Amino acid sequence: MKRTKNAARLLTLVLVLCMVFLPLIACKRTQNVSGYCTVVIATEPETVYKVDLDKVGEIKNGLMTVLDYLKDNEGLTYEMTESISYGAYLTKILSLEAGAGGNPYISLYTSVEKDFDTSGFGVEKDYKGTKIFTAGLGASSMTVQADAVYYIALESYSG
């Protein structure tokens, strides 16, 4: 009888903790970021935006929040689809457009190390002295931070 009561108390405690912490984990985290980041779109010539993150406001949707700000304030045009697994998937941005079947595709690079692609297929580049690496996340899941570089390019794969 005592074991059953202890097990019931433990189960109740676990359920209460899940009810309290699960909503915090499940919700997208928002953040306020101060400073500037750089968004580069690999058009000919490159299109470069120096973004004042104080003006962007609360980052609710990763890099998509910054792209939405640029759309509303700088005339940036883009199209996207949403993927449950990877976040927003850009299909067109300015003159860069993904092809049929995803080849060519729009690739995201970032200088934010925690967002680097760790699958073993990532590519490192240098952008004006800053190391950028293929992002392992969709745009809506990417971390936005001051002094970061976000590089958007059209690439192709063979296979």
C-alpha atoms as a PDB file:
ATOM      1  CA  MET A   1       0.000   0.000   0.000  1.00  0.00           C
ATOM      2  CA  LYS A   2       2.820   2.410   0.897  1.00  0.00           C
ATOM      3  CA  ARG A   3       4.593   1.659  -2.417  1.00  0.00           C
ATOM      4  CA  THR A   4       1.429   2.434  -4.341  1.00  0.00           C
ATOM      5  CA  LYS A   5       1.021   5.779  -2.558  1.00  0.00           C
ATOM      6  CA  ASN A   6       4.660   6.706  -3.220  1.00  0.00           C
ATOM      7  CA  ALA A   7       4.328   5.705  -6.883  1.00  0.00           C
ATOM      8  CA  ALA A   8       1.130   7.752  -7.191  1.00  0.00           C
ATOM      9  CA  ARG A   9       2.810  10.784  -5.589  1.00  0.00           C
ATOM     10  CA  LEU A  10       5.803  10.453  -7.886  1.00  0.00           C
ATOM     11  CA  LEU A  11       3.564  10.126 -10.941  1.00  0.00           C
ATOM     12  CA  THR A  12       1.569  13.179  -9.847  1.00  0.00           C
ATOM     13  CA  LEU A  13       4.767  15.188  -9.399  1.00  0.00           C
ATOM     14  CA  VAL A  14       6.018  14.185 -12.846  1.00  0.00           C
ATOM     15  CA  LEU A  15       2.690  15.141 -14.443  1.00  0.00           C
ATOM     16  CA  VAL A  16       2.621  18.510 -12.693  1.00  0.00           C
ATOM     17  CA  LEU A  17       6.187  19.250 -13.799  1.00  0.00           C
ATOM     18  CA  CYS A  18       5.300  18.285 -17.382  1.00  0.00           C
ATOM     19  CA  MET A  19       2.256  20.557 -17.335  1.00  0.00           C
ATOM     20  CA  VAL A  20       4.355  23.463 -16.074  1.00  0.00           C
ATOM     21  CA  PHE A  21       7.442  23.093 -18.267  1.00  0.00           C
ATOM     22  CA  LEU A  22       6.108  21.586 -21.506  1.00  0.00           C
ATOM     23  CA  PRO A  23       4.399  24.801 -22.667  1.00  0.00           C
ATOM     24  CA  LEU A  24       7.643  26.693 -22.096  1.00  0.00           C
ATOM     25  CA  ILE A  25       9.579  24.219 -24.207  1.00  0.00           C
ATOM     26  CA  ALA A  26       6.954  23.827 -26.929  1.00  0.00           C
ATOM     27  CA  CYS A  27       6.477  27.557 -27.569  1.00  0.00           C
ATOM     28  CA  LYS A  28       8.853  29.359 -29.877  1.00  0.00           C
ATOM     29  CA  ARG A  29      11.209  31.503 -27.894  1.00  0.00           C
ATOM     30  CA  THR A  30      11.119  35.187 -28.705  1.00  0.00           C
ATOM     31  CA  GLN A  31      14.023  37.501 -28.183  1.00  0.00           C
ATOM     32  CA  ASN A  32      14.969  41.142 -28.423  1.00  0.00           C
ATOM     33  CA  VAL A  33      18.339  41.755 -30.021  1.00  0.00           C
ATOM     34  CA  SER A  34      20.280  45.022 -30.182  1.00  0.00           C
ATOM     35  CA  GLY A  35      22.934  45.897 -32.696  1.00  0.00           C
ATOM     36  CA  TYR A  36      23.287  45.184 -36.397  1.00  0.00           C
ATOM     37  CA  CYS A  37      23.411  42.062 -38.514  1.00  0.00           C
ATOM     38  CA  THR A  38      24.215  41.714 -42.206  1.00  0.00           C
ATOM     39  CA  VAL A  39      21.995  39.968 -44.747  1.00  0.00           C
ATOM     40  CA  VAL A  40      23.682  39.245 -48.072  1.00  0.00           C
ATOM     41  CA  ILE A  41      21.818  37.964 -51.110  1.00  0.00           C
ATOM     42  CA  ALA A  42      24.126  36.570 -53.780  1.00  0.00           C
ATOM     43  CA  THR A  43      22.607  38.419 -56.736  1.00  0.00           C
ATOM     44  CA  GLU A  44      24.769  40.048 -59.428  1.00  0.00           C
ATOM     45  CA  PRO A  45      25.944  42.357 -57.921  1.00  0.00           C
ATOM     46  CA  GLU A  46      25.403  41.238 -54.329  1.00  0.00           C
ATOM     47  CA  THR A  47      22.533  42.823 -52.448  1.00  0.00           C
ATOM     48  CA  VAL A  48      23.659  43.688 -48.918  1.00  0.00           C
ATOM     49  CA  TYR A  49      21.451  44.879 -46.069  1.00  0.00           C
ATOM     50  CA  LYS A  50      22.919  46.186 -42.811  1.00  0.00           C
ATOM     51  CA  VAL A  51      19.964  45.597 -40.476  1.00  0.00           C
ATOM     52  CA  ASP A  52      19.419  47.592 -37.275  1.00  0.00           C
ATOM     53  CA  LEU A  53      17.972  44.892 -35.027  1.00  0.00           C
ATOM     54  CA  ASP A  54      16.621  47.507 -32.607  1.00  0.00           C
ATOM     55  CA  LYS A  55      14.259  48.583 -35.410  1.00  0.00           C
ATOM     56  CA  VAL A  56      13.275  44.987 -36.227  1.00  0.00           C
ATOM     57  CA  GLY A  57      11.862  44.549 -32.724  1.00  0.00           C
ATOM     58  CA  GLU A  58      11.030  41.213 -31.157  1.00  0.00           C
ATOM     59  CA  ILE A  59      12.464  38.222 -33.022  1.00  0.00           C
ATOM     60  CA  LYS A  60       9.559  35.763 -33.104  1.00  0.00           C
ATOM     61  CA  ASN A  61      10.374  33.724 -36.187  1.00  0.00           C
ATOM     62  CA  GLY A  62      14.154  33.524 -36.531  1.00  0.00           C
ATOM     63  CA  LEU A  63      15.675  34.962 -39.686  1.00  0.00           C
ATOM     64  CA  MET A  64      12.181  35.232 -41.208  1.00  0.00           C
ATOM     65  CA  THR A  65      11.505  38.100 -38.786  1.00  0.00           C
ATOM     66  CA  VAL A  66      14.459  39.975 -40.296  1.00  0.00           C
ATOM     67  CA  LEU A  67      13.402  39.123 -43.871  1.00  0.00           C
ATOM     68  CA  ASP A  68       9.851  40.296 -43.093  1.00  0.00           C
ATOM     69  CA  TYR A  69      11.276  43.562 -41.748  1.00  0.00           C
ATOM     70  CA  LEU A  70      13.291  43.985 -44.965  1.00  0.00           C
ATOM     71  CA  LYS A  71      10.191  43.185 -47.022  1.00  0.00           C
ATOM     72  CA  ASP A  72       8.164  45.844 -45.215  1.00  0.00           C
ATOM     73  CA  ASN A  73      10.889  48.513 -45.071  1.00  0.00           C
ATOM     74  CA  GLU A  74      13.354  47.888 -47.899  1.00  0.00           C
ATOM     75  CA  GLY A  75      11.237  46.286 -50.644  1.00  0.00           C
ATOM     76  CA  LEU A  76      12.785  42.819 -50.351  1.00  0.00           C
ATOM     77  CA  THR A  77      10.718  40.231 -52.203  1.00  0.00           C
ATOM     78  CA  TYR A  78      10.656  36.531 -51.415  1.00  0.00           C
ATOM     79  CA  GLU A  79       8.494  33.434 -51.610  1.00  0.00           C
ATOM     80  CA  MET A  80       8.626  30.485 -49.281  1.00  0.00           C
ATOM     81  CA  THR A  81       7.058  27.230 -48.222  1.00  0.00           C
ATOM     82  CA  GLU A  82       6.837  26.014 -44.641  1.00  0.00           C
ATOM     83  CA  SER A  83       8.346  22.719 -43.520  1.00  0.00           C
ATOM     84  CA  ILE A  84       7.403  21.278 -40.143  1.00  0.00           C
ATOM     85  CA  SER A  85      10.839  19.675 -39.785  1.00  0.00           C
ATOM     86  CA  TYR A  86      13.104  22.481 -40.926  1.00  0.00           C
ATOM     87  CA  GLY A  87      11.165  25.723 -40.717  1.00  0.00           C
ATOM     88  CA  ALA A  88      10.716  28.144 -43.583  1.00  0.00           C
ATOM     89  CA  TYR A  89      12.148  27.072 -46.916  1.00  0.00           C
ATOM     90  CA  LEU A  90      12.852  29.935 -49.304  1.00  0.00           C
ATOM     91  CA  THR A  91      11.875  29.215 -52.891  1.00  0.00           C
ATOM     92  CA  LYS A  92      12.581  32.715 -54.262  1.00  0.00           C
ATOM     93  CA  ILE A  93      14.339  35.811 -52.970  1.00  0.00           C
ATOM     94  CA  LEU A  94      14.921  38.833 -55.199  1.00  0.00           C
ATOM     95  CA  SER A  95      16.161  37.309 -58.495  1.00  0.00           C
ATOM     96  CA  LEU A  96      17.259  33.972 -56.967  1.00  0.00           C
ATOM     97  CA  GLU A  97      14.710  31.227 -57.614  1.00  0.00           C
ATOM     98  CA  ALA A  98      14.746  27.529 -56.761  1.00  0.00           C
ATOM     99  CA  GLY A  99      14.164  25.223 -59.708  1.00  0.00           C
ATOM    100  CA  ALA A 100      11.768  22.363 -60.282  1.00  0.00           C
ATOM    101  CA  GLY A 101      12.490  19.526 -57.887  1.00  0.00           C
ATOM    102  CA  GLY A 102      14.635  21.841 -55.768  1.00  0.00           C
ATOM    103  CA  ASN A 103      17.606  22.006 -58.145  1.00  0.00           C
ATOM    104  CA  PRO A 104      18.895  24.686 -58.085  1.00  0.00           C
ATOM    105  CA  TYR A 105      17.977  25.521 -54.503  1.00  0.00           C
ATOM    106  CA  ILE A 106      18.323  28.506 -52.206  1.00  0.00           C
ATOM    107  CA  SER A 107      20.998  27.873 -49.604  1.00  0.00           C
ATOM    108  CA  LEU A 108      21.359  29.679 -46.293  1.00  0.00           C
ATOM    109  CA  TYR A 109      24.709  30.379 -44.681  1.00  0.00           C
ATOM    110  CA  THR A 110      25.245  31.836 -41.232  1.00  0.00           C
ATOM    111  CA  SER A 111      28.070  32.974 -39.008  1.00  0.00           C
ATOM    112  CA  VAL A 112      26.113  31.850 -35.914  1.00  0.00           C
ATOM    113  CA  GLU A 113      27.996  28.716 -34.921  1.00  0.00           C
ATOM    114  CA  LYS A 114      25.147  26.994 -33.080  1.00  0.00           C
ATOM    115  CA  ASP A 115      23.108  27.041 -36.317  1.00  0.00           C
ATOM    116  CA  PHE A 116      25.838  25.393 -38.447  1.00  0.00           C
ATOM    117  CA  ASP A 117      24.887  22.243 -40.384  1.00  0.00           C
ATOM    118  CA  THR A 118      26.449  19.368 -38.445  1.00  0.00           C
ATOM    119  CA  SER A 119      25.260  16.602 -40.798  1.00  0.00           C
ATOM    120  CA  GLY A 120      28.659  16.321 -42.434  1.00  0.00           C
ATOM    121  CA  PHE A 121      27.443  17.937 -45.670  1.00  0.00           C
ATOM    122  CA  GLY A 122      27.892  21.558 -44.596  1.00  0.00           C
ATOM    123  CA  VAL A 123      30.112  23.929 -46.529  1.00  0.00           C
ATOM    124  CA  GLU A 124      32.311  26.637 -45.050  1.00  0.00           C
ATOM    125  CA  LYS A 125      32.886  29.924 -46.865  1.00  0.00           C
ATOM    126  CA  ASP A 126      34.478  33.238 -46.094  1.00  0.00           C
ATOM    127  CA  TYR A 127      32.500  36.435 -46.422  1.00  0.00           C
ATOM    128  CA  LYS A 128      34.761  39.481 -46.138  1.00  0.00           C
ATOM    129  CA  GLY A 129      36.800  37.907 -43.335  1.00  0.00           C
ATOM    130  CA  THR A 130      33.860  36.286 -41.519  1.00  0.00           C
ATOM    131  CA  LYS A 131      33.518  32.512 -41.468  1.00  0.00           C
ATOM    132  CA  ILE A 132      30.063  31.467 -42.648  1.00  0.00           C
ATOM    133  CA  PHE A 133      28.784  27.928 -42.805  1.00  0.00           C
ATOM    134  CA  THR A 134      25.769  26.205 -44.317  1.00  0.00           C
ATOM    135  CA  ALA A 135      22.839  26.574 -41.920  1.00  0.00           C
ATOM    136  CA  GLY A 136      21.428  23.363 -40.519  1.00  0.00           C
ATOM    137  CA  LEU A 137      18.031  24.987 -39.915  1.00  0.00           C
ATOM    138  CA  GLY A 138      15.298  26.618 -41.903  1.00  0.00           C
ATOM    139  CA  ALA A 139      15.136  30.406 -41.890  1.00  0.00           C
ATOM    140  CA  SER A 140      12.345  30.543 -39.297  1.00  0.00           C
ATOM    141  CA  SER A 141      14.401  28.482 -36.851  1.00  0.00           C
ATOM    142  CA  MET A 142      17.705  30.336 -37.227  1.00  0.00           C
ATOM    143  CA  THR A 143      19.218  32.356 -34.398  1.00  0.00           C
ATOM    144  CA  VAL A 144      19.324  36.108 -34.952  1.00  0.00           C
ATOM    145  CA  GLN A 145      22.114  37.953 -33.189  1.00  0.00           C
ATOM    146  CA  ALA A 146      24.120  41.132 -33.478  1.00  0.00           C
ATOM    147  CA  ASP A 147      27.206  41.090 -35.723  1.00  0.00           C
ATOM    148  CA  ALA A 148      25.991  37.941 -37.494  1.00  0.00           C
ATOM    149  CA  VAL A 149      26.201  37.458 -41.251  1.00  0.00           C
ATOM    150  CA  TYR A 150      23.393  35.683 -43.106  1.00  0.00           C
ATOM    151  CA  TYR A 151      24.288  34.798 -46.686  1.00  0.00           C
ATOM    152  CA  ILE A 152      21.620  33.600 -49.112  1.00  0.00           C
ATOM    153  CA  ALA A 153      22.746  32.002 -52.384  1.00  0.00           C
ATOM    154  CA  LEU A 154      21.424  29.929 -55.260  1.00  0.00           C
ATOM    155  CA  GLU A 155      23.220  26.591 -55.502  1.00  0.00           C
ATOM    156  CA  SER A 156      22.894  23.330 -57.401  1.00  0.00           C
ATOM    157  CA  TYR A 157      23.651  19.731 -56.615  1.00  0.00           C
ATOM    158  CA  SER A 158      24.339  16.803 -58.896  1.00  0.00           C
ATOM    159  CA  GLY A 159      22.940  13.419 -58.276  1.00  0.00           C
END
